[in-house]
Structure formats: C-alpha cells, structure tokens
C-alpha atoms as a PDB file:
ATOM      1  CA  UNK A   1      97.512 132.678  44.842  1.00  0.00           C
ATOM      2  CA  UNK A   2      97.291 136.318  43.328  1.00  0.00           C
ATOM      3  CA  UNK A   3      97.385 135.194  39.642  1.00  0.00           C
ATOM      4  CA  UNK A   4      93.870 133.712  40.882  1.00  0.00           C
ATOM      5  CA  UNK A   5      94.512 130.655  39.108  1.00  0.00           C
ATOM      6  CA  UNK A   6      93.892 127.967  41.493  1.00  0.00           C
ATOM      7  CA  UNK A   7      90.292 127.523  42.552  1.00  0.00           C
ATOM      8  CA  UNK A   8      91.156 124.526  45.260  1.00  0.00           C
ATOM      9  CA  UNK A   9      93.612 123.209  46.953  1.00  0.00           C
ATOM     10  CA  UNK A  10      94.011 119.971  48.941  1.00  0.00           C
ATOM     11  CA  UNK A  11      96.784 120.967  51.126  1.00  0.00           C
ATOM     12  CA  UNK A  12      98.028 124.616  51.561  1.00  0.00           C
ATOM     13  CA  UNK A  13     101.277 123.787  52.718  1.00  0.00           C
ATOM     14  CA  UNK A  14     103.056 126.849  54.607  1.00  0.00           C
ATOM     15  CA  UNK A  15     107.047 127.608  55.137  1.00  0.00           C
ATOM     16  CA  UNK A  16     108.365 129.669  57.416  1.00  0.00           C
ATOM     17  CA  UNK A  17     111.470 130.051  58.913  1.00  0.00           C
ATOM     18  CA  UNK A  18     111.248 129.978  63.346  1.00  0.00           C
ATOM     19  CA  UNK A  19     111.064 133.795  63.205  1.00  0.00           C
ATOM     20  CA  UNK A  20     107.726 135.875  64.195  1.00  0.00           C
ATOM     21  CA  UNK A  21     107.411 137.460  61.657  1.00  0.00           C
ATOM     22  CA  UNK A  22     107.737 134.403  59.359  1.00  0.00           C
ATOM     23  CA  UNK A  23     105.176 133.406  61.185  1.00  0.00           C
ATOM     24  CA  UNK A  24     102.954 136.231  60.964  1.00  0.00           C
ATOM     25  CA  UNK A  25     103.695 136.357  56.961  1.00  0.00           C
ATOM     26  CA  UNK A  26     102.601 132.639  56.819  1.00  0.00           C
ATOM     27  CA  UNK A  27      99.432 133.296  58.704  1.00  0.00           C
ATOM     28  CA  UNK A  28      99.119 136.210  56.067  1.00  0.00           C
ATOM     29  CA  UNK A  29      99.023 133.996  52.962  1.00  0.00           C
ATOM     30  CA  UNK A  30      96.184 131.155  54.731  1.00  0.00           C
ATOM     31  CA  UNK A  31      94.134 134.075  54.790  1.00  0.00           C
ATOM     32  CA  UNK A  32      95.176 135.545  51.811  1.00  0.00           C
ATOM     33  CA  UNK A  33      93.714 131.557  50.378  1.00  0.00           C
ATOM     34  CA  UNK A  34      90.586 132.753  52.080  1.00  0.00           C
ATOM     35  CA  UNK A  35      90.676 136.031  51.005  1.00  0.00           C
ATOM     36  CA  UNK A  36      90.528 135.095  47.195  1.00  0.00           C
ATOM     37  CA  UNK A  37      87.972 132.563  47.801  1.00  0.00           C
ATOM     38  CA  UNK A  38      90.278 129.421  47.280  1.00  0.00           C
ATOM     39  CA  UNK A  39      88.649 126.436  49.043  1.00  0.00           C
ATOM     40  CA  UNK A  40      91.974 125.103  50.922  1.00  0.00           C
ATOM     41  CA  UNK A  41      90.984 121.503  52.637  1.00  0.00           C
ATOM     42  CA  UNK A  42      93.581 122.142  54.790  1.00  0.00           C
ATOM     43  CA  UNK A  43      96.841 124.168  55.810  1.00  0.00           C
ATOM     44  CA  UNK A  44     100.197 122.904  57.550  1.00  0.00           C
ATOM     45  CA  UNK A  45     102.979 125.001  58.531  1.00  0.00           C
ATOM     46  CA  UNK A  46     106.482 123.313  57.971  1.00  0.00           C
ATOM     47  CA  UNK A  47     108.343 125.820  60.071  1.00  0.00           C
ATOM     48  CA  UNK A  48     112.551 124.980  58.662  1.00  0.00           C
ATOM     49  CA  UNK A  49     116.405 126.157  59.715  1.00  0.00           C
ATOM     50  CA  UNK A  50     115.197 125.646  63.076  1.00  0.00           C
ATOM     51  CA  UNK A  51     118.009 124.781  66.431  1.00  0.00           C
ATOM     52  CA  UNK A  52     117.034 123.884  69.800  1.00  0.00           C
ATOM     53  CA  UNK A  53     112.885 123.560  68.886  1.00  0.00           C
ATOM     54  CA  UNK A  54     110.761 127.116  68.889  1.00  0.00           C
ATOM     55  CA  UNK A  55     110.788 129.788  71.225  1.00  0.00           C
ATOM     56  CA  UNK A  56     107.568 130.546  73.123  1.00  0.00           C
ATOM     57  CA  UNK A  57     106.974 133.503  71.468  1.00  0.00           C
ATOM     58  CA  UNK A  58     107.285 131.953  67.699  1.00  0.00           C
ATOM     59  CA  UNK A  59     104.941 128.888  69.097  1.00  0.00           C
ATOM     60  CA  UNK A  60     102.730 131.633  70.548  1.00  0.00           C
ATOM     61  CA  UNK A  61     102.408 133.107  67.508  1.00  0.00           C
ATOM     62  CA  UNK A  62     101.335 129.687  65.662  1.00  0.00           C
ATOM     63  CA  UNK A  63      98.581 129.055  67.795  1.00  0.00           C
ATOM     64  CA  UNK A  64      97.473 132.801  67.659  1.00  0.00           C
ATOM     65  CA  UNK A  65      97.868 132.190  63.677  1.00  0.00           C
ATOM     66  CA  UNK A  66      95.764 129.077  64.250  1.00  0.00           C
ATOM     67  CA  UNK A  67      98.112 127.504  62.163  1.00  0.00           C
ATOM     68  CA  UNK A  68      98.597 123.622  62.301  1.00  0.00           C
ATOM     69  CA  UNK A  69     102.269 122.878  62.686  1.00  0.00           C
ATOM     70  CA  UNK A  70     103.067 119.980  60.799  1.00  0.00           C
ATOM     71  CA  UNK A  71     106.702 120.195  62.103  1.00  0.00           C
ATOM     72  CA  UNK A  72     109.993 121.821  62.046  1.00  0.00           C
ATOM     73  CA  UNK A  73     113.595 120.751  59.705  1.00  0.00           C
ATOM     74  CA  UNK A  74     116.323 121.368  61.603  1.00  0.00           C
ATOM     75  CA  UNK A  75     119.331 123.477  60.220  1.00  0.00           C
ATOM     76  CA  UNK A  76     121.742 121.447  58.742  1.00  0.00           C
ATOM     77  CA  UNK A  77     125.000 122.792  57.089  1.00  0.00           C
ATOM     78  CA  UNK A  78     124.704 120.230  54.781  1.00  0.00           C
ATOM     79  CA  UNK A  79     122.392 122.061  53.049  1.00  0.00           C
ATOM     80  CA  UNK A  80     124.155 125.475  52.782  1.00  0.00           C
ATOM     81  CA  UNK A  81     127.289 123.452  51.670  1.00  0.00           C
ATOM     82  CA  UNK A  82     125.521 121.820  48.770  1.00  0.00           C
ATOM     83  CA  UNK A  83     123.955 125.162  47.963  1.00  0.00           C
ATOM     84  CA  UNK A  84     127.110 126.891  47.328  1.00  0.00           C
ATOM     85  CA  UNK A  85     129.176 123.919  44.989  1.00  0.00           C
ATOM     86  CA  UNK A  86     125.489 123.988  43.168  1.00  0.00           C
ATOM     87  CA  UNK A  87     124.495 120.632  43.948  1.00  0.00           C
ATOM     88  CA  UNK A  88     121.089 119.556  43.965  1.00  0.00           C
ATOM     89  CA  UNK A  89     119.429 119.015  47.917  1.00  0.00           C
ATOM     90  CA  UNK A  90     118.120 115.561  46.495  1.00  0.00           C
ATOM     91  CA  UNK A  91     121.850 114.305  46.548  1.00  0.00           C
ATOM     92  CA  UNK A  92     121.541 114.562  50.438  1.00  0.00           C
ATOM     93  CA  UNK A  93     122.733 111.033  52.350  1.00  0.00           C
ATOM     94  CA  UNK A  94     120.086 109.747  53.973  1.00  0.00           C
ATOM     95  CA  UNK A  95     121.202 110.427  57.368  1.00  0.00           C
ATOM     96  CA  UNK A  96     121.118 113.944  57.113  1.00  0.00           C
ATOM     97  CA  UNK A  97     119.028 115.443  59.771  1.00  0.00           C
ATOM     98  CA  UNK A  98     117.418 117.790  57.518  1.00  0.00           C
ATOM     99  CA  UNK A  99     115.830 115.204  55.504  1.00  0.00           C
ATOM    100  CA  UNK A 100     115.142 112.839  57.350  1.00  0.00           C
ATOM    101  CA  UNK A 101     112.723 115.760  59.387  1.00  0.00           C
ATOM    102  CA  UNK A 102     111.451 116.201  55.685  1.00  0.00           C
ATOM    103  CA  UNK A 103     110.494 112.424  55.196  1.00  0.00           C
ATOM    104  CA  UNK A 104     108.868 112.615  58.594  1.00  0.00           C
ATOM    105  CA  UNK A 105     106.947 115.471  57.611  1.00  0.00           C
ATOM    106  CA  UNK A 106     105.949 114.334  54.695  1.00  0.00           C
ATOM    107  CA  UNK A 107     104.987 110.911  55.992  1.00  0.00           C
ATOM    108  CA  UNK A 108     102.605 112.426  58.407  1.00  0.00           C
ATOM    109  CA  UNK A 109     101.042 114.909  56.184  1.00  0.00           C
ATOM    110  CA  UNK A 110     100.243 111.907  53.434  1.00  0.00           C
ATOM    111  CA  UNK A 111      98.304 109.678  56.396  1.00  0.00           C
END
C-alpha cells in the first residue's frame, strides 16, 4: 500500500495471529488504506494459528478496531511440518483442519 500503486480494492483481507498486538496491526493497516485514499469495498480479518478460539481481550480488540471477522484458522502441526520439509501448503491433505477452515472462509468471503 505504501507505494501508492493500488487505487481500488474490492476485498481487503487482513491476516493476523490471535495476539492483541496483531489485531491492532490489522486495524492500523485498515486505517492506512483509508489514509492513502484507497477505495476499499469490504475489509475482512482472518485470524490464523488459533487454539481454543479467541481470548476475550482479542475479541474486544477486533470489535474496537471495527474489523469484520471472516473466520479463524486453527493451529495445524502439519503446516510447520510441511514448512520444515520445504513442501508447499497446497499439498496439505483434505482433512487438514487449517485447510478446511481456509476453504470455509474463502467460500464465505466469495459468496
């Protein structure tokens, strides 16, 4: 966004880990797009590497930042395993919790 090469975005997808600081950073990116006068049709937040949902503080920060939570991708040990082997994530098996969650989020965002 800082190169000012983008003028309009249909869907701005913000991705964060479940930390409070990560959510704040996602909110700042949303604000940066507005400050740069980038026309954003819709923005949505994906929180990855979650375990046991979101803490109350994280959920409150999502609301405080006026972010639309598109969904959460759970921690999946296969992703770290694939990364350590240099294997691409598109080869994850269909029963991967992270892959299933990602597909559900994509379907929601595209509908």
